[in-house]
Amino acid sequence: MHAKKTLPKLIEEAIDKGATTVEEIHKSIAALPLTILEESDLLRGPAKEAKRVQDHTIGAIYDVIREVNQQVGTLASELLAEAKARRTVRAGEVHKHRSTAAHAARH
């Protein structure tokens, strides 16, 4: 059975998939002029090299976006866990306060 995914994890995965889709579109659009230049015997080599460097550069940018997304997801999970722990502590304090007040009222 799969563990239930947290909201930060779901958001992180959606952003990651979105970044990958945008990266693919970005590479396709950026490659169009170079693909045309590759048809020329004179420019084929330089165009292929430019496309290789361009793909690498675009890929590196989206890798950074995915890394930042992962770190933000981790931070969000940690902050939500801290907030939940604080709510639990506060709820315990309220319960303890009410129990003490009820006990004092009986005596």
PDB file of N, CA and C in Angstrom:
ATOM      1  N   MET A   1       0.842  -1.186   0.000  1.00  0.00           N
ATOM      2  CA  MET A   1       0.000   0.000   0.000  1.00  0.00           C
ATOM      3  C   MET A   1       0.886   1.249   0.000  1.00  0.00           C
ATOM      4  N   HIS A   2       0.568   2.203  -0.857  1.00  0.00           N
ATOM      5  CA  HIS A   2       1.358   3.429  -0.952  1.00  0.00           C
ATOM      6  C   HIS A   2       0.988   4.382   0.178  1.00  0.00           C
ATOM      7  N   ALA A   3       1.998   5.056   0.692  1.00  0.00           N
ATOM      8  CA  ALA A   3       1.749   6.052   1.731  1.00  0.00           C
ATOM      9  C   ALA A   3       1.018   7.237   1.109  1.00  0.00           C
ATOM     10  N   LYS A   4       0.168   7.854   1.891  1.00  0.00           N
ATOM     11  CA  LYS A   4      -0.560   9.031   1.428  1.00  0.00           C
ATOM     12  C   LYS A   4       0.434  10.164   1.189  1.00  0.00           C
ATOM     13  N   LYS A   5       0.335  10.797   0.020  1.00  0.00           N
ATOM     14  CA  LYS A   5       1.251  11.889  -0.301  1.00  0.00           C
ATOM     15  C   LYS A   5       0.789  13.167   0.375  1.00  0.00           C
ATOM     16  N   THR A   6       1.766  13.928   0.828  1.00  0.00           N
ATOM     17  CA  THR A   6       1.460  15.195   1.485  1.00  0.00           C
ATOM     18  C   THR A   6       1.213  16.259   0.430  1.00  0.00           C
ATOM     19  N   LEU A   7       0.539  17.310   0.834  1.00  0.00           N
ATOM     20  CA  LEU A   7       0.261  18.422  -0.079  1.00  0.00           C
ATOM     21  C   LEU A   7       1.554  19.006  -0.657  1.00  0.00           C
ATOM     22  N   PRO A   8       2.584  19.270   0.176  1.00  0.00           N
ATOM     23  CA  PRO A   8       3.826  19.801  -0.412  1.00  0.00           C
ATOM     24  C   PRO A   8       4.428  18.857  -1.457  1.00  0.00           C
ATOM     25  N   LYS A   9       4.330  17.546  -1.223  1.00  0.00           N
ATOM     26  CA  LYS A   9       4.889  16.583  -2.178  1.00  0.00           C
ATOM     27  C   LYS A   9       4.098  16.604  -3.482  1.00  0.00           C
ATOM     28  N   LEU A  10       2.776  16.682  -3.385  1.00  0.00           N
ATOM     29  CA  LEU A  10       1.946  16.752  -4.593  1.00  0.00           C
ATOM     30  C   LEU A  10       2.256  18.006  -5.398  1.00  0.00           C
ATOM     31  N   ILE A  11       2.400  19.132  -4.706  1.00  0.00           N
ATOM     32  CA  ILE A  11       2.724  20.397  -5.383  1.00  0.00           C
ATOM     33  C   ILE A  11       4.106  20.305  -6.020  1.00  0.00           C
ATOM     34  N   GLU A  12       5.061  19.748  -5.275  1.00  0.00           N
ATOM     35  CA  GLU A  12       6.429  19.605  -5.793  1.00  0.00           C
ATOM     36  C   GLU A  12       6.432  18.759  -7.071  1.00  0.00           C
ATOM     37  N   GLU A  13       5.698  17.653  -7.070  1.00  0.00           N
ATOM     38  CA  GLU A  13       5.634  16.790  -8.254  1.00  0.00           C
ATOM     39  C   GLU A  13       4.974  17.505  -9.434  1.00  0.00           C
ATOM     40  N   ALA A  14       3.925  18.267  -9.163  1.00  0.00           N
ATOM     41  CA  ALA A  14       3.248  19.001 -10.237  1.00  0.00           C
ATOM     42  C   ALA A  14       4.179  20.042 -10.850  1.00  0.00           C
ATOM     43  N   ILE A  15       4.916  20.757 -10.009  1.00  0.00           N
ATOM     44  CA  ILE A  15       5.857  21.761 -10.519  1.00  0.00           C
ATOM     45  C   ILE A  15       6.973  21.086 -11.310  1.00  0.00           C
ATOM     46  N   ASP A  16       7.452  19.956 -10.819  1.00  0.00           N
ATOM     47  CA  ASP A  16       8.512  19.222 -11.516  1.00  0.00           C
ATOM     48  C   ASP A  16       8.041  18.777 -12.905  1.00  0.00           C
ATOM     49  N   LYS A  17       6.847  18.219 -12.973  1.00  0.00           N
ATOM     50  CA  LYS A  17       6.308  17.783 -14.271  1.00  0.00           C
ATOM     51  C   LYS A  17       6.091  18.985 -15.190  1.00  0.00           C
ATOM     52  N   GLY A  18       5.603  20.074 -14.620  1.00  0.00           N
ATOM     53  CA  GLY A  18       5.405  21.290 -15.418  1.00  0.00           C
ATOM     54  C   GLY A  18       6.713  21.827 -15.954  1.00  0.00           C
ATOM     55  N   ALA A  19       7.745  21.828 -15.112  1.00  0.00           N
ATOM     56  CA  ALA A  19       9.068  22.311 -15.545  1.00  0.00           C
ATOM     57  C   ALA A  19       9.622  21.434 -16.664  1.00  0.00           C
ATOM     58  N   THR A  20       9.421  20.127 -16.552  1.00  0.00           N
ATOM     59  CA  THR A  20       9.905  19.217 -17.593  1.00  0.00           C
ATOM     60  C   THR A  20       9.171  19.474 -18.909  1.00  0.00           C
ATOM     61  N   THR A  21       7.875  19.679 -18.839  1.00  0.00           N
ATOM     62  CA  THR A  21       7.094  19.969 -20.049  1.00  0.00           C
ATOM     63  C   THR A  21       7.546  21.280 -20.687  1.00  0.00           C
ATOM     64  N   VAL A  22       7.707  22.316 -19.869  1.00  0.00           N
ATOM     65  CA  VAL A  22       8.154  23.613 -20.382  1.00  0.00           C
ATOM     66  C   VAL A  22       9.557  23.490 -20.971  1.00  0.00           C
ATOM     67  N   GLU A  23      10.424  22.715 -20.312  1.00  0.00           N
ATOM     68  CA  GLU A  23      11.784  22.510 -20.824  1.00  0.00           C
ATOM     69  C   GLU A  23      11.749  21.878 -22.220  1.00  0.00           C
ATOM     70  N   GLU A  24      10.915  20.859 -22.398  1.00  0.00           N
ATOM     71  CA  GLU A  24      10.809  20.202 -23.702  1.00  0.00           C
ATOM     72  C   GLU A  24      10.318  21.171 -24.783  1.00  0.00           C
ATOM     73  N   ILE A  25       9.330  21.973 -24.445  1.00  0.00           N
ATOM     74  CA  ILE A  25       8.808  22.969 -25.386  1.00  0.00           C
ATOM     75  C   ILE A  25       9.882  24.007 -25.701  1.00  0.00           C
ATOM     76  N   HIS A  26      10.561  24.475 -24.653  1.00  0.00           N
ATOM     77  CA  HIS A  26      11.633  25.458 -24.804  1.00  0.00           C
ATOM     78  C   HIS A  26      12.703  24.935 -25.768  1.00  0.00           C
ATOM     79  N   LYS A  27      13.137  23.692 -25.553  1.00  0.00           N
ATOM     80  CA  LYS A  27      14.171  23.098 -26.411  1.00  0.00           C
ATOM     81  C   LYS A  27      13.680  22.964 -27.855  1.00  0.00           C
ATOM     82  N   SER A  28      12.420  22.570 -28.025  1.00  0.00           N
ATOM     83  CA  SER A  28      11.868  22.413 -29.382  1.00  0.00           C
ATOM     84  C   SER A  28      11.840  23.736 -30.134  1.00  0.00           C
ATOM     85  N   ILE A  29      11.365  24.778 -29.453  1.00  0.00           N
ATOM     86  CA  ILE A  29      11.293  26.090 -30.099  1.00  0.00           C
ATOM     87  C   ILE A  29      12.692  26.618 -30.393  1.00  0.00           C
ATOM     88  N   ALA A  30      13.596  26.488 -29.429  1.00  0.00           N
ATOM     89  CA  ALA A  30      14.956  26.998 -29.612  1.00  0.00           C
ATOM     90  C   ALA A  30      15.708  26.243 -30.712  1.00  0.00           C
ATOM     91  N   ALA A  31      15.341  24.983 -30.943  1.00  0.00           N
ATOM     92  CA  ALA A  31      16.048  24.162 -31.933  1.00  0.00           C
ATOM     93  C   ALA A  31      15.638  24.470 -33.376  1.00  0.00           C
ATOM     94  N   LEU A  32      14.490  25.070 -33.570  1.00  0.00           N
ATOM     95  CA  LEU A  32      13.992  25.283 -34.933  1.00  0.00           C
ATOM     96  C   LEU A  32      14.982  26.003 -35.850  1.00  0.00           C
ATOM     97  N   PRO A  33      15.511  27.159 -35.468  1.00  0.00           N
ATOM     98  CA  PRO A  33      16.439  27.828 -36.392  1.00  0.00           C
ATOM     99  C   PRO A  33      17.715  27.008 -36.630  1.00  0.00           C
ATOM    100  N   LEU A  34      18.160  26.311 -35.590  1.00  0.00           N
ATOM    101  CA  LEU A  34      19.383  25.512 -35.760  1.00  0.00           C
ATOM    102  C   LEU A  34      19.147  24.308 -36.654  1.00  0.00           C
ATOM    103  N   THR A  35      17.960  23.740 -36.586  1.00  0.00           N
ATOM    104  CA  THR A  35      17.616  22.613 -37.461  1.00  0.00           C
ATOM    105  C   THR A  35      17.646  23.061 -38.917  1.00  0.00           C
ATOM    106  N   ILE A  36      17.175  24.252 -39.171  1.00  0.00           N
ATOM    107  CA  ILE A  36      17.208  24.799 -40.535  1.00  0.00           C
ATOM    108  C   ILE A  36      18.656  25.025 -40.973  1.00  0.00           C
ATOM    109  N   LEU A  37      19.481  25.562 -40.070  1.00  0.00           N
ATOM    110  CA  LEU A  37      20.889  25.782 -40.404  1.00  0.00           C
ATOM    111  C   LEU A  37      21.633  24.474 -40.657  1.00  0.00           C
ATOM    112  N   GLU A  38      21.207  23.388 -40.015  1.00  0.00           N
ATOM    113  CA  GLU A  38      21.847  22.080 -40.218  1.00  0.00           C
ATOM    114  C   GLU A  38      21.651  21.555 -41.642  1.00  0.00           C
ATOM    115  N   GLU A  39      20.667  22.088 -42.344  1.00  0.00           N
ATOM    116  CA  GLU A  39      20.440  21.664 -43.726  1.00  0.00           C
ATOM    117  C   GLU A  39      21.521  22.179 -44.666  1.00  0.00           C
ATOM    118  N   SER A  40      22.250  23.178 -44.246  1.00  0.00           N
ATOM    119  CA  SER A  40      23.331  23.730 -45.058  1.00  0.00           C
ATOM    120  C   SER A  40      24.598  22.919 -44.810  1.00  0.00           C
ATOM    121  N   ASP A  41      25.248  22.495 -45.892  1.00  0.00           N
ATOM    122  CA  ASP A  41      26.497  21.741 -45.753  1.00  0.00           C
ATOM    123  C   ASP A  41      27.549  22.566 -45.018  1.00  0.00           C
ATOM    124  N   LEU A  42      27.576  23.852 -45.273  1.00  0.00           N
ATOM    125  CA  LEU A  42      28.567  24.738 -44.682  1.00  0.00           C
ATOM    126  C   LEU A  42      28.350  24.936 -43.182  1.00  0.00           C
ATOM    127  N   LEU A  43      27.092  24.987 -42.753  1.00  0.00           N
ATOM    128  CA  LEU A  43      26.780  25.310 -41.353  1.00  0.00           C
ATOM    129  C   LEU A  43      26.358  24.100 -40.505  1.00  0.00           C
ATOM    130  N   ARG A  44      26.320  22.916 -41.117  1.00  0.00           N
ATOM    131  CA  ARG A  44      25.844  21.731 -40.405  1.00  0.00           C
ATOM    132  C   ARG A  44      26.609  21.489 -39.105  1.00  0.00           C
ATOM    133  N   GLY A  45      27.925  21.464 -39.157  1.00  0.00           N
ATOM    134  CA  GLY A  45      28.750  21.204 -37.968  1.00  0.00           C
ATOM    135  C   GLY A  45      28.553  22.249 -36.876  1.00  0.00           C
ATOM    136  N   PRO A  46      28.732  23.524 -37.219  1.00  0.00           N
ATOM    137  CA  PRO A  46      28.528  24.558 -36.191  1.00  0.00           C
ATOM    138  C   PRO A  46      27.095  24.567 -35.632  1.00  0.00           C
ATOM    139  N   ALA A  47      26.107  24.304 -36.477  1.00  0.00           N
ATOM    140  CA  ALA A  47      24.719  24.300 -36.012  1.00  0.00           C
ATOM    141  C   ALA A  47      24.477  23.145 -35.034  1.00  0.00           C
ATOM    142  N   LYS A  48      25.031  21.981 -35.338  1.00  0.00           N
ATOM    143  CA  LYS A  48      24.893  20.837 -34.424  1.00  0.00           C
ATOM    144  C   LYS A  48      25.566  21.123 -33.087  1.00  0.00           C
ATOM    145  N   GLU A  49      26.736  21.738 -33.135  1.00  0.00           N
ATOM    146  CA  GLU A  49      27.444  22.074 -31.897  1.00  0.00           C
ATOM    147  C   GLU A  49      26.662  23.126 -31.111  1.00  0.00           C
ATOM    148  N   ALA A  50      26.134  24.119 -31.801  1.00  0.00           N
ATOM    149  CA  ALA A  50      25.335  25.151 -31.126  1.00  0.00           C
ATOM    150  C   ALA A  50      24.094  24.523 -30.487  1.00  0.00           C
ATOM    151  N   LYS A  51      23.461  23.582 -31.193  1.00  0.00           N
ATOM    152  CA  LYS A  51      22.282  22.908 -30.644  1.00  0.00           C
ATOM    153  C   LYS A  51      22.660  22.098 -29.406  1.00  0.00           C
ATOM    154  N   ARG A  52      23.803  21.421 -29.434  1.00  0.00           N
ATOM    155  CA  ARG A  52      24.265  20.633 -28.290  1.00  0.00           C
ATOM    156  C   ARG A  52      24.480  21.540 -27.067  1.00  0.00           C
ATOM    157  N   VAL A  53      25.173  22.663 -27.281  1.00  0.00           N
ATOM    158  CA  VAL A  53      25.437  23.605 -26.184  1.00  0.00           C
ATOM    159  C   VAL A  53      24.123  24.210 -25.687  1.00  0.00           C
ATOM    160  N   GLN A  54      23.253  24.563 -26.616  1.00  0.00           N
ATOM    161  CA  GLN A  54      21.961  25.145 -26.259  1.00  0.00           C
ATOM    162  C   GLN A  54      21.124  24.166 -25.428  1.00  0.00           C
ATOM    163  N   ASP A  55      21.040  22.911 -25.859  1.00  0.00           N
ATOM    164  CA  ASP A  55      20.289  21.899 -25.104  1.00  0.00           C
ATOM    165  C   ASP A  55      20.871  21.713 -23.709  1.00  0.00           C
ATOM    166  N   HIS A  56      22.181  21.685 -23.631  1.00  0.00           N
ATOM    167  CA  HIS A  56      22.849  21.527 -22.329  1.00  0.00           C
ATOM    168  C   HIS A  56      22.529  22.713 -21.413  1.00  0.00           C
ATOM    169  N   THR A  57      22.601  23.908 -21.960  1.00  0.00           N
ATOM    170  CA  THR A  57      22.348  25.115 -21.179  1.00  0.00           C
ATOM    171  C   THR A  57      20.888  25.177 -20.707  1.00  0.00           C
ATOM    172  N   ILE A  58      19.966  24.925 -21.623  1.00  0.00           N
ATOM    173  CA  ILE A  58      18.547  24.924 -21.253  1.00  0.00           C
ATOM    174  C   ILE A  58      18.292  23.843 -20.198  1.00  0.00           C
ATOM    175  N   GLY A  59      18.862  22.667 -20.387  1.00  0.00           N
ATOM    176  CA  GLY A  59      18.702  21.581 -19.417  1.00  0.00           C
ATOM    177  C   GLY A  59      19.232  21.964 -18.048  1.00  0.00           C
ATOM    178  N   ALA A  60      20.363  22.651 -18.014  1.00  0.00           N
ATOM    179  CA  ALA A  60      20.959  23.060 -16.737  1.00  0.00           C
ATOM    180  C   ALA A  60      20.043  24.050 -16.004  1.00  0.00           C
ATOM    181  N   ILE A  61      19.432  24.940 -16.751  1.00  0.00           N
ATOM    182  CA  ILE A  61      18.520  25.921 -16.143  1.00  0.00           C
ATOM    183  C   ILE A  61      17.335  25.208 -15.499  1.00  0.00           C
ATOM    184  N   TYR A  62      16.739  24.273 -16.208  1.00  0.00           N
ATOM    185  CA  TYR A  62      15.578  23.565 -15.661  1.00  0.00           C
ATOM    186  C   TYR A  62      15.984  22.604 -14.539  1.00  0.00           C
ATOM    187  N   ASP A  63      17.197  22.107 -14.564  1.00  0.00           N
ATOM    188  CA  ASP A  63      17.696  21.304 -13.440  1.00  0.00           C
ATOM    189  C   ASP A  63      17.741  22.147 -12.169  1.00  0.00           C
ATOM    190  N   VAL A  64      18.171  23.399 -12.305  1.00  0.00           N
ATOM    191  CA  VAL A  64      18.208  24.309 -11.150  1.00  0.00           C
ATOM    192  C   VAL A  64      16.780  24.568 -10.655  1.00  0.00           C
ATOM    193  N   ILE A  65      15.855  24.780 -11.574  1.00  0.00           N
ATOM    194  CA  ILE A  65      14.452  25.003 -11.191  1.00  0.00           C
ATOM    195  C   ILE A  65      13.928  23.798 -10.421  1.00  0.00           C
ATOM    196  N   ARG A  66      14.214  22.580 -10.907  1.00  0.00           N
ATOM    197  CA  ARG A  66      13.745  21.374 -10.217  1.00  0.00           C
ATOM    198  C   ARG A  66      14.412  21.219  -8.854  1.00  0.00           C
ATOM    199  N   GLU A  67      15.688  21.569  -8.741  1.00  0.00           N
ATOM    200  CA  GLU A  67      16.394  21.482  -7.462  1.00  0.00           C
ATOM    201  C   GLU A  67      15.809  22.468  -6.452  1.00  0.00           C
ATOM    202  N   VAL A  68      15.572  23.706  -6.888  1.00  0.00           N
ATOM    203  CA  VAL A  68      14.962  24.701  -5.995  1.00  0.00           C
ATOM    204  C   VAL A  68      13.570  24.226  -5.581  1.00  0.00           C
ATOM    205  N   ASN A  69      12.812  23.699  -6.518  1.00  0.00           N
ATOM    206  CA  ASN A  69      11.483  23.172  -6.230  1.00  0.00           C
ATOM    207  C   ASN A  69      11.561  22.080  -5.155  1.00  0.00           C
ATOM    208  N   GLN A  70      12.516  21.181  -5.267  1.00  0.00           N
ATOM    209  CA  GLN A  70      12.672  20.098  -4.289  1.00  0.00           C
ATOM    210  C   GLN A  70      13.010  20.671  -2.916  1.00  0.00           C
ATOM    211  N   GLN A  71      13.897  21.653  -2.873  1.00  0.00           N
ATOM    212  CA  GLN A  71      14.278  22.253  -1.599  1.00  0.00           C
ATOM    213  C   GLN A  71      13.105  23.010  -0.965  1.00  0.00           C
ATOM    214  N   VAL A  72      12.328  23.699  -1.783  1.00  0.00           N
ATOM    215  CA  VAL A  72      11.155  24.404  -1.273  1.00  0.00           C
ATOM    216  C   VAL A  72      10.134  23.386  -0.739  1.00  0.00           C
ATOM    217  N   GLY A  73       9.980  22.277  -1.438  1.00  0.00           N
ATOM    218  CA  GLY A  73       9.073  21.224  -0.973  1.00  0.00           C
ATOM    219  C   GLY A  73       9.501  20.664   0.372  1.00  0.00           C
ATOM    220  N   THR A  74      10.800  20.437   0.532  1.00  0.00           N
ATOM    221  CA  THR A  74      11.324  19.947   1.807  1.00  0.00           C
ATOM    222  C   THR A  74      11.073  20.966   2.909  1.00  0.00           C
ATOM    223  N   LEU A  75      11.354  22.226   2.631  1.00  0.00           N
ATOM    224  CA  LEU A  75      11.130  23.286   3.613  1.00  0.00           C
ATOM    225  C   LEU A  75       9.650  23.386   3.979  1.00  0.00           C
ATOM    226  N   ALA A  76       8.778  23.320   2.993  1.00  0.00           N
ATOM    227  CA  ALA A  76       7.339  23.401   3.258  1.00  0.00           C
ATOM    228  C   ALA A  76       6.892  22.239   4.143  1.00  0.00           C
ATOM    229  N   SER A  77       7.389  21.042   3.861  1.00  0.00           N
ATOM    230  CA  SER A  77       7.040  19.878   4.689  1.00  0.00           C
ATOM    231  C   SER A  77       7.507  20.065   6.122  1.00  0.00           C
ATOM    232  N   GLU A  78       8.721  20.576   6.284  1.00  0.00           N
ATOM    233  CA  GLU A  78       9.257  20.804   7.630  1.00  0.00           C
ATOM    234  C   GLU A  78       8.441  21.856   8.378  1.00  0.00           C
ATOM    235  N   LEU A  79       8.095  22.948   7.701  1.00  0.00           N
ATOM    236  CA  LEU A  79       7.318  24.008   8.340  1.00  0.00           C
ATOM    237  C   LEU A  79       5.917  23.523   8.719  1.00  0.00           C
ATOM    238  N   LEU A  80       5.303  22.735   7.851  1.00  0.00           N
ATOM    239  CA  LEU A  80       3.985  22.199   8.167  1.00  0.00           C
ATOM    240  C   LEU A  80       4.055  21.225   9.344  1.00  0.00           C
ATOM    241  N   ALA A  81       5.114  20.428   9.411  1.00  0.00           N
ATOM    242  CA  ALA A  81       5.288  19.502  10.535  1.00  0.00           C
ATOM    243  C   ALA A  81       5.474  20.278  11.837  1.00  0.00           C
ATOM    244  N   GLU A  82       6.255  21.353  11.791  1.00  0.00           N
ATOM    245  CA  GLU A  82       6.443  22.199  12.983  1.00  0.00           C
ATOM    246  C   GLU A  82       5.125  22.825  13.413  1.00  0.00           C
ATOM    247  N   ALA A  83       4.366  23.320  12.472  1.00  0.00           N
ATOM    248  CA  ALA A  83       3.078  23.948  12.793  1.00  0.00           C
ATOM    249  C   ALA A  83       2.133  22.924  13.411  1.00  0.00           C
ATOM    250  N   LYS A  84       2.131  21.724  12.869  1.00  0.00           N
ATOM    251  CA  LYS A  84       1.279  20.664  13.416  1.00  0.00           C
ATOM    252  C   LYS A  84       1.708  20.326  14.844  1.00  0.00           C
ATOM    253  N   ALA A  85       3.013  20.243  15.069  1.00  0.00           N
ATOM    254  CA  ALA A  85       3.520  19.946  16.415  1.00  0.00           C
ATOM    255  C   ALA A  85       3.111  21.048  17.387  1.00  0.00           C
ATOM    256  N   ARG A  86       3.198  22.305  16.968  1.00  0.00           N
ATOM    257  CA  ARG A  86       2.797  23.419  17.834  1.00  0.00           C
ATOM    258  C   ARG A  86       1.305  23.363  18.153  1.00  0.00           C
ATOM    259  N   ARG A  87       0.502  23.041  17.139  1.00  0.00           N
ATOM    260  CA  ARG A  87      -0.946  22.924  17.374  1.00  0.00           C
ATOM    261  C   ARG A  87      -1.232  21.794  18.366  1.00  0.00           C
ATOM    262  N   THR A  88      -0.505  20.697  18.244  1.00  0.00           N
ATOM    263  CA  THR A  88      -0.690  19.565  19.147  1.00  0.00           C
ATOM    264  C   THR A  88      -0.324  19.956  20.574  1.00  0.00           C
ATOM    265  N   VAL A  89       0.792  20.670  20.729  1.00  0.00           N
ATOM    266  CA  VAL A  89       1.217  21.122  22.061  1.00  0.00           C
ATOM    267  C   VAL A  89       0.172  22.072  22.637  1.00  0.00           C
ATOM    268  N   ARG A  90      -0.282  23.031  21.827  1.00  0.00           N
ATOM    269  CA  ARG A  90      -1.287  23.986  22.305  1.00  0.00           C
ATOM    270  C   ARG A  90      -2.583  23.277  22.679  1.00  0.00           C
ATOM    271  N   ALA A  91      -2.996  22.312  21.895  1.00  0.00           N
ATOM    272  CA  ALA A  91      -4.219  21.565  22.187  1.00  0.00           C
ATOM    273  C   ALA A  91      -4.058  20.812  23.502  1.00  0.00           C
ATOM    274  N   GLY A  92      -2.880  20.263  23.745  1.00  0.00           N
ATOM    275  CA  GLY A  92      -2.604  19.580  25.008  1.00  0.00           C
ATOM    276  C   GLY A  92      -2.635  20.533  26.179  1.00  0.00           C
ATOM    277  N   GLU A  93      -2.109  21.738  25.987  1.00  0.00           N
ATOM    278  CA  GLU A  93      -2.115  22.748  27.051  1.00  0.00           C
ATOM    279  C   GLU A  93      -3.534  23.189  27.370  1.00  0.00           C
ATOM    280  N   VAL A  94      -4.359  23.366  26.350  1.00  0.00           N
ATOM    281  CA  VAL A  94      -5.754  23.759  26.554  1.00  0.00           C
ATOM    282  C   VAL A  94      -6.485  22.655  27.296  1.00  0.00           C
ATOM    283  N   HIS A  95      -6.260  21.402  26.891  1.00  0.00           N
ATOM    284  CA  HIS A  95      -6.901  20.268  27.548  1.00  0.00           C
ATOM    285  C   HIS A  95      -6.453  20.181  29.003  1.00  0.00           C
ATOM    286  N   LYS A  96      -5.158  20.376  29.250  1.00  0.00           N
ATOM    287  CA  LYS A  96      -4.625  20.330  30.613  1.00  0.00           C
ATOM    288  C   LYS A  96      -5.231  21.457  31.449  1.00  0.00           C
ATOM    289  N   HIS A  97      -5.324  22.663  30.871  1.00  0.00           N
ATOM    290  CA  HIS A  97      -5.887  23.814  31.563  1.00  0.00           C
ATOM    291  C   HIS A  97      -7.349  23.552  31.912  1.00  0.00           C
ATOM    292  N   ARG A  98      -8.102  23.019  30.968  1.00  0.00           N
ATOM    293  CA  ARG A  98      -9.520  22.721  31.206  1.00  0.00           C
ATOM    294  C   ARG A  98      -9.677  21.646  32.279  1.00  0.00           C
ATOM    295  N   SER A  99      -8.822  20.617  32.222  1.00  0.00           N
ATOM    296  CA  SER A  99      -8.884  19.543  33.227  1.00  0.00           C
ATOM    297  C   SER A  99      -8.578  20.086  34.607  1.00  0.00           C
ATOM    298  N   THR A 100      -7.568  20.951  34.698  1.00  0.00           N
ATOM    299  CA  THR A 100      -7.193  21.544  35.982  1.00  0.00           C
ATOM    300  C   THR A 100      -8.317  22.424  36.495  1.00  0.00           C
ATOM    301  N   ALA A 101      -8.929  23.212  35.640  1.00  0.00           N
ATOM    302  CA  ALA A 101     -10.030  24.098  36.023  1.00  0.00           C
ATOM    303  C   ALA A 101     -11.247  23.278  36.458  1.00  0.00           C
ATOM    304  N   ALA A 102     -11.540  22.208  35.759  1.00  0.00           N
ATOM    305  CA  ALA A 102     -12.676  21.350  36.115  1.00  0.00           C
ATOM    306  C   ALA A 102     -12.422  20.678  37.457  1.00  0.00           C
ATOM    307  N   HIS A 103     -11.183  20.230  37.663  1.00  0.00           N
ATOM    308  CA  HIS A 103     -10.821  19.596  38.930  1.00  0.00           C
ATOM    309  C   HIS A 103     -10.957  20.582  40.076  1.00  0.00           C
ATOM    310  N   ALA A 104     -10.499  21.813  39.880  1.00  0.00           N
ATOM    311  CA  ALA A 104     -10.574  22.845  40.932  1.00  0.00           C
ATOM    312  C   ALA A 104     -12.037  23.187  41.222  1.00  0.00           C
ATOM    313  N   ALA A 105     -12.878  23.184  40.192  1.00  0.00           N
ATOM    314  CA  ALA A 105     -14.284  23.514  40.395  1.00  0.00           C
ATOM    315  C   ALA A 105     -14.991  22.438  41.211  1.00  0.00           C
ATOM    316  N   ARG A 106     -14.559  21.203  41.091  1.00  0.00           N
ATOM    317  CA  ARG A 106     -15.175  20.112  41.840  1.00  0.00           C
ATOM    318  C   ARG A 106     -14.749  20.135  43.307  1.00  0.00           C
ATOM    319  N   HIS A 107     -13.612  20.714  43.610  1.00  0.00           N
ATOM    320  CA  HIS A 107     -13.098  20.682  45.000  1.00  0.00           C
ATOM    321  C   HIS A 107     -13.238  21.978  45.637  1.00  0.00           C
TER     322      HIS A 107
END
